[in-house]
Amino acid sequence: MLLIYSTFPDEESAVRVAKGALERHLVGCVNIFRVHKSMYWWEGKIAEDQEWGVIFKTLEERADELEQYIRENHPYTTPAIIRVRAAGVNPDYLSWLEGCTRTS
Protein backbone atom coordinates (compact mmCIF):
# COMPACT_ATOMS: atom_id res chain seq x y z
CA MET A 1 0.00 0.00 0.00
CA LEU A 2 1.12 3.53 -0.80
CA LEU A 3 0.13 6.93 0.49
CA ILE A 4 0.62 9.68 -2.04
CA TYR A 5 0.66 13.16 -0.56
CA SER A 6 0.05 16.38 -2.43
CA THR A 7 -0.99 19.95 -1.65
CA PHE A 8 -3.45 22.17 -3.49
CA PRO A 9 -4.10 25.93 -3.52
CA ASP A 10 -7.77 25.61 -2.59
CA GLU A 11 -10.41 23.15 -1.44
CA GLU A 12 -12.15 23.11 -4.81
CA SER A 13 -9.13 21.83 -6.74
CA ALA A 14 -8.26 19.32 -3.98
CA VAL A 15 -11.79 17.88 -4.06
CA ARG A 16 -11.92 17.85 -7.87
CA VAL A 17 -8.68 15.88 -8.23
CA ALA A 18 -9.49 13.57 -5.31
CA LYS A 19 -12.97 12.80 -6.64
CA GLY A 20 -11.58 12.13 -10.12
CA ALA A 21 -9.05 9.68 -8.66
CA LEU A 22 -11.87 7.89 -6.80
CA GLU A 23 -14.09 7.76 -9.91
CA ARG A 24 -11.22 6.16 -11.87
CA HIS A 25 -10.60 3.61 -9.06
CA LEU A 26 -7.01 4.84 -8.74
CA VAL A 27 -7.54 5.12 -4.97
CA GLY A 28 -9.78 3.58 -2.36
CA CYS A 29 -9.80 6.60 -0.06
CA VAL A 30 -8.57 10.17 0.17
CA ASN A 31 -8.14 12.47 3.15
CA ILE A 32 -8.46 16.18 2.49
CA PHE A 33 -7.45 18.69 5.13
CA ARG A 34 -6.64 22.38 5.48
CA VAL A 35 -2.96 23.21 5.91
CA HIS A 36 -2.86 26.30 8.10
CA LYS A 37 0.36 27.59 6.59
CA SER A 38 2.79 26.33 3.99
CA MET A 39 6.18 27.98 3.69
CA TYR A 40 8.49 27.19 0.79
CA TRP A 41 11.05 28.57 -1.62
CA TRP A 42 9.56 29.78 -4.92
CA GLU A 43 11.31 31.85 -7.58
CA GLY A 44 14.12 32.84 -5.22
CA LYS A 45 11.90 33.99 -2.34
CA ILE A 46 10.22 32.42 0.64
CA ALA A 47 6.48 32.18 -0.02
CA GLU A 48 3.69 31.63 2.49
CA ASP A 49 0.25 30.28 1.64
CA GLN A 50 -2.68 28.42 3.05
CA GLU A 51 -3.11 25.16 1.17
CA TRP A 52 -5.15 22.00 1.22
CA GLY A 53 -3.40 18.67 1.77
CA VAL A 54 -4.57 15.44 0.20
CA ILE A 55 -3.48 11.92 1.13
CA PHE A 56 -4.35 9.46 -1.64
CA LYS A 57 -4.45 5.79 -0.51
CA THR A 58 -3.62 3.35 -3.28
CA LEU A 59 -1.73 0.21 -4.26
CA GLU A 60 1.74 0.05 -5.77
CA GLU A 61 0.38 -1.12 -9.14
CA ARG A 62 -1.91 1.94 -9.45
CA ALA A 63 0.67 4.50 -8.25
CA ASP A 64 2.16 5.46 -11.64
CA GLU A 65 -1.28 5.99 -13.17
CA LEU A 66 -2.42 7.95 -10.11
CA GLU A 67 0.68 10.14 -10.21
CA GLN A 68 0.15 10.87 -13.90
CA TYR A 69 -3.52 11.73 -13.24
CA ILE A 70 -2.57 14.10 -10.40
CA ARG A 71 0.14 15.77 -12.50
CA GLU A 72 -2.22 16.26 -15.49
CA ASN A 73 -5.03 17.71 -13.35
CA HIS A 74 -3.11 19.67 -10.73
CA PRO A 75 -3.30 23.48 -10.85
CA TYR A 76 0.35 23.95 -9.76
CA THR A 77 3.17 24.07 -12.30
CA THR A 78 5.36 22.03 -9.94
CA PRO A 79 3.08 20.02 -7.65
CA ALA A 80 4.37 18.07 -4.69
CA ILE A 81 3.61 14.41 -5.36
CA ILE A 82 5.24 12.34 -2.63
CA ARG A 83 4.99 8.56 -2.31
CA VAL A 84 5.17 6.96 1.14
CA ARG A 85 5.09 3.19 1.52
CA ALA A 86 2.83 2.07 4.33
CA ALA A 87 4.01 -0.72 6.63
CA GLY A 88 1.92 -2.81 8.96
CA VAL A 89 -1.39 -2.19 7.18
CA ASN A 90 -4.46 -3.82 8.71
CA PRO A 91 -5.11 -6.88 6.46
CA ASP A 92 -8.86 -6.19 6.29
CA TYR A 93 -8.20 -2.60 5.20
CA LEU A 94 -5.69 -3.75 2.58
CA SER A 95 -8.20 -6.26 1.22
CA TRP A 96 -10.83 -3.53 1.01
CA LEU A 97 -8.37 -1.22 -0.78
CA GLU A 98 -7.52 -3.95 -3.28
CA GLY A 99 -11.23 -4.35 -4.05
CA CYS A 100 -11.66 -0.61 -4.61
CA THR A 101 -8.71 -0.23 -6.95
CA ARG A 102 -9.12 -3.28 -9.18
CA THR A 103 -8.41 -2.46 -12.81
CA SER A 104 -10.71 -5.11 -14.26
C-alpha atoms as a PDB file:
ATOM      1  CA  MET A   1       0.000   0.000   0.000  1.00  0.00           C
ATOM      2  CA  LEU A   2       1.116   3.534  -0.797  1.00  0.00           C
ATOM      3  CA  LEU A   3       0.133   6.926   0.494  1.00  0.00           C
ATOM      4  CA  ILE A   4       0.616   9.678  -2.043  1.00  0.00           C
ATOM      5  CA  TYR A   5       0.661  13.158  -0.561  1.00  0.00           C
ATOM      6  CA  SER A   6       0.052  16.385  -2.433  1.00  0.00           C
ATOM      7  CA  THR A   7      -0.986  19.949  -1.645  1.00  0.00           C
ATOM      8  CA  PHE A   8      -3.455  22.169  -3.494  1.00  0.00           C
ATOM      9  CA  PRO A   9      -4.100  25.928  -3.519  1.00  0.00           C
ATOM     10  CA  ASP A  10      -7.771  25.613  -2.595  1.00  0.00           C
ATOM     11  CA  GLU A  11     -10.406  23.153  -1.436  1.00  0.00           C
ATOM     12  CA  GLU A  12     -12.153  23.107  -4.808  1.00  0.00           C
ATOM     13  CA  SER A  13      -9.127  21.825  -6.737  1.00  0.00           C
ATOM     14  CA  ALA A  14      -8.263  19.323  -3.980  1.00  0.00           C
ATOM     15  CA  VAL A  15     -11.788  17.882  -4.058  1.00  0.00           C
ATOM     16  CA  ARG A  16     -11.923  17.854  -7.875  1.00  0.00           C
ATOM     17  CA  VAL A  17      -8.678  15.882  -8.230  1.00  0.00           C
ATOM     18  CA  ALA A  18      -9.492  13.572  -5.308  1.00  0.00           C
ATOM     19  CA  LYS A  19     -12.968  12.799  -6.639  1.00  0.00           C
ATOM     20  CA  GLY A  20     -11.577  12.127 -10.116  1.00  0.00           C
ATOM     21  CA  ALA A  21      -9.052   9.677  -8.656  1.00  0.00           C
ATOM     22  CA  LEU A  22     -11.865   7.891  -6.799  1.00  0.00           C
ATOM     23  CA  GLU A  23     -14.087   7.756  -9.907  1.00  0.00           C
ATOM     24  CA  ARG A  24     -11.216   6.162 -11.866  1.00  0.00           C
ATOM     25  CA  HIS A  25     -10.599   3.611  -9.063  1.00  0.00           C
ATOM     26  CA  LEU A  26      -7.012   4.844  -8.737  1.00  0.00           C
ATOM     27  CA  VAL A  27      -7.544   5.119  -4.967  1.00  0.00           C
ATOM     28  CA  GLY A  28      -9.783   3.582  -2.355  1.00  0.00           C
ATOM     29  CA  CYS A  29      -9.803   6.597  -0.062  1.00  0.00           C
ATOM     30  CA  VAL A  30      -8.572  10.170   0.167  1.00  0.00           C
ATOM     31  CA  ASN A  31      -8.138  12.467   3.147  1.00  0.00           C
ATOM     32  CA  ILE A  32      -8.461  16.183   2.490  1.00  0.00           C
ATOM     33  CA  PHE A  33      -7.451  18.695   5.131  1.00  0.00           C
ATOM     34  CA  ARG A  34      -6.641  22.375   5.482  1.00  0.00           C
ATOM     35  CA  VAL A  35      -2.961  23.209   5.911  1.00  0.00           C
ATOM     36  CA  HIS A  36      -2.856  26.297   8.102  1.00  0.00           C
ATOM     37  CA  LYS A  37       0.362  27.586   6.589  1.00  0.00           C
ATOM     38  CA  SER A  38       2.794  26.326   3.988  1.00  0.00           C
ATOM     39  CA  MET A  39       6.181  27.984   3.690  1.00  0.00           C
ATOM     40  CA  TYR A  40       8.495  27.188   0.788  1.00  0.00           C
ATOM     41  CA  TRP A  41      11.048  28.567  -1.622  1.00  0.00           C
ATOM     42  CA  TRP A  42       9.558  29.782  -4.920  1.00  0.00           C
ATOM     43  CA  GLU A  43      11.309  31.851  -7.575  1.00  0.00           C
ATOM     44  CA  GLY A  44      14.118  32.843  -5.222  1.00  0.00           C
ATOM     45  CA  LYS A  45      11.904  33.987  -2.345  1.00  0.00           C
ATOM     46  CA  ILE A  46      10.217  32.419   0.642  1.00  0.00           C
ATOM     47  CA  ALA A  47       6.485  32.180  -0.022  1.00  0.00           C
ATOM     48  CA  GLU A  48       3.693  31.628   2.495  1.00  0.00           C
ATOM     49  CA  ASP A  49       0.247  30.284   1.641  1.00  0.00           C
ATOM     50  CA  GLN A  50      -2.682  28.424   3.054  1.00  0.00           C
ATOM     51  CA  GLU A  51      -3.107  25.163   1.173  1.00  0.00           C
ATOM     52  CA  TRP A  52      -5.152  21.995   1.221  1.00  0.00           C
ATOM     53  CA  GLY A  53      -3.396  18.672   1.769  1.00  0.00           C
ATOM     54  CA  VAL A  54      -4.568  15.436   0.202  1.00  0.00           C
ATOM     55  CA  ILE A  55      -3.480  11.918   1.128  1.00  0.00           C
ATOM     56  CA  PHE A  56      -4.349   9.460  -1.637  1.00  0.00           C
ATOM     57  CA  LYS A  57      -4.452   5.791  -0.513  1.00  0.00           C
ATOM     58  CA  THR A  58      -3.619   3.349  -3.276  1.00  0.00           C
ATOM     59  CA  LEU A  59      -1.734   0.211  -4.264  1.00  0.00           C
ATOM     60  CA  GLU A  60       1.741   0.048  -5.775  1.00  0.00           C
ATOM     61  CA  GLU A  61       0.375  -1.120  -9.143  1.00  0.00           C
ATOM     62  CA  ARG A  62      -1.910   1.937  -9.445  1.00  0.00           C
ATOM     63  CA  ALA A  63       0.666   4.498  -8.254  1.00  0.00           C
ATOM     64  CA  ASP A  64       2.160   5.455 -11.638  1.00  0.00           C
ATOM     65  CA  GLU A  65      -1.278   5.985 -13.173  1.00  0.00           C
ATOM     66  CA  LEU A  66      -2.423   7.954 -10.110  1.00  0.00           C
ATOM     67  CA  GLU A  67       0.675  10.143 -10.206  1.00  0.00           C
ATOM     68  CA  GLN A  68       0.148  10.866 -13.902  1.00  0.00           C
ATOM     69  CA  TYR A  69      -3.519  11.728 -13.235  1.00  0.00           C
ATOM     70  CA  ILE A  70      -2.572  14.099 -10.401  1.00  0.00           C
ATOM     71  CA  ARG A  71       0.141  15.769 -12.504  1.00  0.00           C
ATOM     72  CA  GLU A  72      -2.219  16.265 -15.489  1.00  0.00           C
ATOM     73  CA  ASN A  73      -5.029  17.715 -13.352  1.00  0.00           C
ATOM     74  CA  HIS A  74      -3.107  19.672 -10.729  1.00  0.00           C
ATOM     75  CA  PRO A  75      -3.303  23.484 -10.853  1.00  0.00           C
ATOM     76  CA  TYR A  76       0.346  23.951  -9.762  1.00  0.00           C
ATOM     77  CA  THR A  77       3.171  24.073 -12.296  1.00  0.00           C
ATOM     78  CA  THR A  78       5.357  22.029  -9.939  1.00  0.00           C
ATOM     79  CA  PRO A  79       3.078  20.015  -7.651  1.00  0.00           C
ATOM     80  CA  ALA A  80       4.367  18.065  -4.688  1.00  0.00           C
ATOM     81  CA  ILE A  81       3.612  14.408  -5.358  1.00  0.00           C
ATOM     82  CA  ILE A  82       5.238  12.345  -2.625  1.00  0.00           C
ATOM     83  CA  ARG A  83       4.994   8.556  -2.311  1.00  0.00           C
ATOM     84  CA  VAL A  84       5.173   6.965   1.138  1.00  0.00           C
ATOM     85  CA  ARG A  85       5.093   3.188   1.523  1.00  0.00           C
ATOM     86  CA  ALA A  86       2.833   2.074   4.332  1.00  0.00           C
ATOM     87  CA  ALA A  87       4.014  -0.718   6.627  1.00  0.00           C
ATOM     88  CA  GLY A  88       1.924  -2.807   8.958  1.00  0.00           C
ATOM     89  CA  VAL A  89      -1.387  -2.192   7.182  1.00  0.00           C
ATOM     90  CA  ASN A  90      -4.456  -3.823   8.709  1.00  0.00           C
ATOM     91  CA  PRO A  91      -5.107  -6.880   6.457  1.00  0.00           C
ATOM     92  CA  ASP A  92      -8.856  -6.189   6.287  1.00  0.00           C
ATOM     93  CA  TYR A  93      -8.203  -2.604   5.195  1.00  0.00           C
ATOM     94  CA  LEU A  94      -5.687  -3.747   2.584  1.00  0.00           C
ATOM     95  CA  SER A  95      -8.201  -6.260   1.219  1.00  0.00           C
ATOM     96  CA  TRP A  96     -10.834  -3.531   1.010  1.00  0.00           C
ATOM     97  CA  LEU A  97      -8.373  -1.215  -0.782  1.00  0.00           C
ATOM     98  CA  GLU A  98      -7.524  -3.951  -3.282  1.00  0.00           C
ATOM     99  CA  GLY A  99     -11.227  -4.352  -4.051  1.00  0.00           C
ATOM    100  CA  CYS A 100     -11.665  -0.607  -4.611  1.00  0.00           C
ATOM    101  CA  THR A 101      -8.707  -0.229  -6.954  1.00  0.00           C
ATOM    102  CA  ARG A 102      -9.117  -3.280  -9.181  1.00  0.00           C
ATOM    103  CA  THR A 103      -8.409  -2.464 -12.810  1.00  0.00           C
ATOM    104  CA  SER A 104     -10.715  -5.111 -14.263  1.00  0.00           C
END
